[in-house]
N, C-alpha and C. Protein backbone atom coordinates (compact mmCIF):
# COMPACT_ATOMS: atom_id res chain seq x y z
N UNK A 1 11.99 103.92 66.98
CA UNK A 1 12.67 103.23 65.90
C UNK A 1 13.17 101.90 66.46
N UNK A 2 12.99 101.04 65.59
CA UNK A 2 13.61 99.79 66.21
C UNK A 2 14.93 99.36 65.19
N UNK A 3 15.99 98.91 65.92
CA UNK A 3 17.05 98.45 64.98
C UNK A 3 17.38 97.09 65.50
N UNK A 4 17.64 96.04 64.58
CA UNK A 4 18.47 94.64 64.90
C UNK A 4 19.92 95.00 65.18
N UNK A 5 20.28 94.17 66.04
CA UNK A 5 21.54 94.25 66.62
C UNK A 5 22.25 92.68 66.71
N UNK A 6 23.38 92.68 66.65
CA UNK A 6 24.13 91.43 66.73
C UNK A 6 25.00 91.38 68.18
N UNK A 7 24.85 90.36 68.69
CA UNK A 7 25.76 90.48 70.19
C UNK A 7 26.71 89.01 70.23
N UNK A 8 27.86 89.28 70.47
CA UNK A 8 28.75 88.00 70.60
C UNK A 8 29.65 88.34 71.87
N UNK A 9 29.92 87.04 72.61
CA UNK A 9 31.08 87.23 73.46
C UNK A 9 32.16 86.90 72.96
N UNK A 10 33.20 87.91 73.14
CA UNK A 10 34.54 87.84 72.66
C UNK A 10 35.46 86.89 73.59
N UNK A 11 36.60 86.53 73.07
CA UNK A 11 37.45 85.51 73.79
C UNK A 11 37.83 86.01 75.14
N UNK A 12 37.89 87.39 75.30
CA UNK A 12 38.38 87.96 76.64
C UNK A 12 37.25 88.40 77.70
N UNK A 13 35.91 87.65 77.24
CA UNK A 13 34.91 87.76 78.11
C UNK A 13 33.79 89.08 77.98
N UNK A 14 34.15 89.91 77.07
CA UNK A 14 33.31 90.97 76.75
C UNK A 14 32.32 90.73 75.77
N UNK A 15 31.12 91.37 76.04
CA UNK A 15 30.01 91.28 74.97
C UNK A 15 30.16 92.41 73.75
N UNK A 16 30.28 92.18 72.62
CA UNK A 16 30.55 92.99 71.73
C UNK A 16 29.09 92.98 70.70
N UNK A 17 28.62 94.24 70.81
CA UNK A 17 27.36 94.45 70.08
C UNK A 17 27.54 95.44 68.66
N UNK A 18 26.79 95.12 67.74
CA UNK A 18 26.78 95.94 66.58
C UNK A 18 25.47 96.05 65.90
N UNK A 19 25.30 97.23 65.32
CA UNK A 19 23.94 97.69 64.63
C UNK A 19 24.31 97.60 63.17
N UNK A 20 24.08 96.37 62.32
CA UNK A 20 24.47 96.34 61.06
C UNK A 20 23.90 97.29 60.19
N UNK A 21 22.84 97.84 60.48
CA UNK A 21 21.92 98.93 59.62
C UNK A 21 22.55 100.13 59.70
N UNK A 22 23.54 100.47 60.76
CA UNK A 22 24.16 101.67 61.01
C UNK A 22 25.69 101.56 61.11
N UNK A 23 26.47 101.70 59.99
CA UNK A 23 27.95 101.43 59.61
C UNK A 23 28.58 102.10 60.75
N UNK A 24 29.60 101.20 61.31
CA UNK A 24 30.54 101.54 62.38
C UNK A 24 29.73 101.76 63.63
N UNK A 25 28.57 101.57 63.97
CA UNK A 25 27.82 101.57 65.14
C UNK A 25 28.03 100.18 65.85
N UNK A 26 29.06 100.25 66.73
CA UNK A 26 29.44 99.26 67.66
C UNK A 26 29.96 99.64 68.92
N UNK A 27 29.47 98.81 70.06
CA UNK A 27 30.05 99.06 71.28
C UNK A 27 30.11 97.72 72.07
N UNK A 28 30.28 97.66 73.45
CA UNK A 28 30.46 96.43 74.03
C UNK A 28 30.23 96.78 75.64
N UNK A 29 30.50 95.58 76.31
CA UNK A 29 30.16 95.76 77.84
C UNK A 29 30.77 94.50 78.51
N UNK A 30 30.84 94.60 79.83
CA UNK A 30 31.24 93.64 80.57
C UNK A 30 30.26 92.63 80.94
N UNK A 31 29.03 93.01 80.62
CA UNK A 31 27.79 92.05 80.93
C UNK A 31 26.92 92.29 79.51
N UNK A 32 25.95 91.45 79.33
CA UNK A 32 25.07 91.54 78.26
C UNK A 32 24.31 92.73 78.62
N UNK A 33 23.80 93.04 79.76
CA UNK A 33 22.91 94.16 79.98
C UNK A 33 23.78 95.54 79.66
N UNK A 34 24.97 95.50 80.24
CA UNK A 34 25.79 96.78 80.01
C UNK A 34 25.96 96.76 78.57
N UNK A 35 26.20 95.94 77.81
CA UNK A 35 26.49 95.99 76.13
C UNK A 35 25.38 96.63 75.49
N UNK A 36 24.13 96.14 76.06
CA UNK A 36 22.84 96.53 75.30
C UNK A 36 22.72 97.77 75.72
N UNK A 37 22.69 98.29 76.82
CA UNK A 37 22.65 99.82 77.20
C UNK A 37 23.70 100.59 76.47
N UNK A 38 24.81 100.15 76.24
CA UNK A 38 25.88 100.98 75.56
C UNK A 38 25.49 100.97 73.84
N UNK A 39 25.07 99.85 73.45
CA UNK A 39 24.66 100.18 72.05
C UNK A 39 23.43 101.16 71.88
N UNK A 40 22.55 101.07 72.90
CA UNK A 40 21.40 102.20 72.61
C UNK A 40 21.87 103.45 72.66
N UNK A 41 23.02 103.58 73.55
CA UNK A 41 23.56 105.20 73.41
C UNK A 41 24.25 105.41 72.28
N UNK A 42 25.04 104.22 71.71
CA UNK A 42 25.82 104.34 70.34
C UNK A 42 24.92 104.64 69.23
N UNK A 43 23.74 104.02 69.24
CA UNK A 43 22.61 104.17 68.12
C UNK A 43 22.11 105.68 68.24
N UNK A 44 21.85 106.11 69.45
CA UNK A 44 21.47 107.57 69.67
C UNK A 44 22.56 108.48 69.17
N UNK A 45 23.72 108.27 69.32
CA UNK A 45 24.82 109.18 69.10
C UNK A 45 25.05 109.25 67.55
N UNK A 46 24.85 107.88 66.77
CA UNK A 46 25.07 107.72 65.46
C UNK A 46 23.91 108.49 64.79
N UNK A 47 22.84 108.40 65.16
CA UNK A 47 21.67 108.90 64.63
C UNK A 47 21.74 110.50 64.67
N UNK A 48 22.22 110.96 65.95
CA UNK A 48 22.31 112.50 66.04
C UNK A 48 23.38 113.05 65.03
N UNK A 49 24.55 112.27 65.09
CA UNK A 49 25.63 112.71 64.15
C UNK A 49 25.09 112.62 62.63
N UNK A 50 24.42 111.87 62.35
CA UNK A 50 23.76 111.85 60.86
C UNK A 50 22.92 112.89 60.74
N UNK A 51 22.08 113.28 61.69
CA UNK A 51 21.32 114.38 61.54
C UNK A 51 21.98 115.70 61.31
N UNK A 52 23.07 115.93 62.16
CA UNK A 52 23.98 117.17 61.90
C UNK A 52 24.43 117.08 60.68
N UNK A 53 25.05 116.14 60.10
CA UNK A 53 25.67 115.99 58.82
C UNK A 53 24.57 116.53 57.88
N UNK A 54 23.38 116.18 57.86
CA UNK A 54 22.34 116.59 56.93
C UNK A 54 21.83 117.66 57.05
N UNK A 55 22.14 118.57 57.90
CA UNK A 55 22.05 120.12 58.09
C UNK A 55 22.91 120.76 57.37
N UNK A 56 24.16 120.34 57.01
CA UNK A 56 25.22 121.20 56.35
C UNK A 56 25.46 120.76 55.02
């Protein structure tokens, strides 16, 4: 599954990434690479949590 993300560099130098298709799915990292890795984990966790909610 592919998701579009946004990435911005904050004033304090951190990279902030968001997946607009998944409400509240936001992460960050000290480098662009770290931020991208972190958002992949966040997307997987978001999808897992939604799957668990649909089972109940």
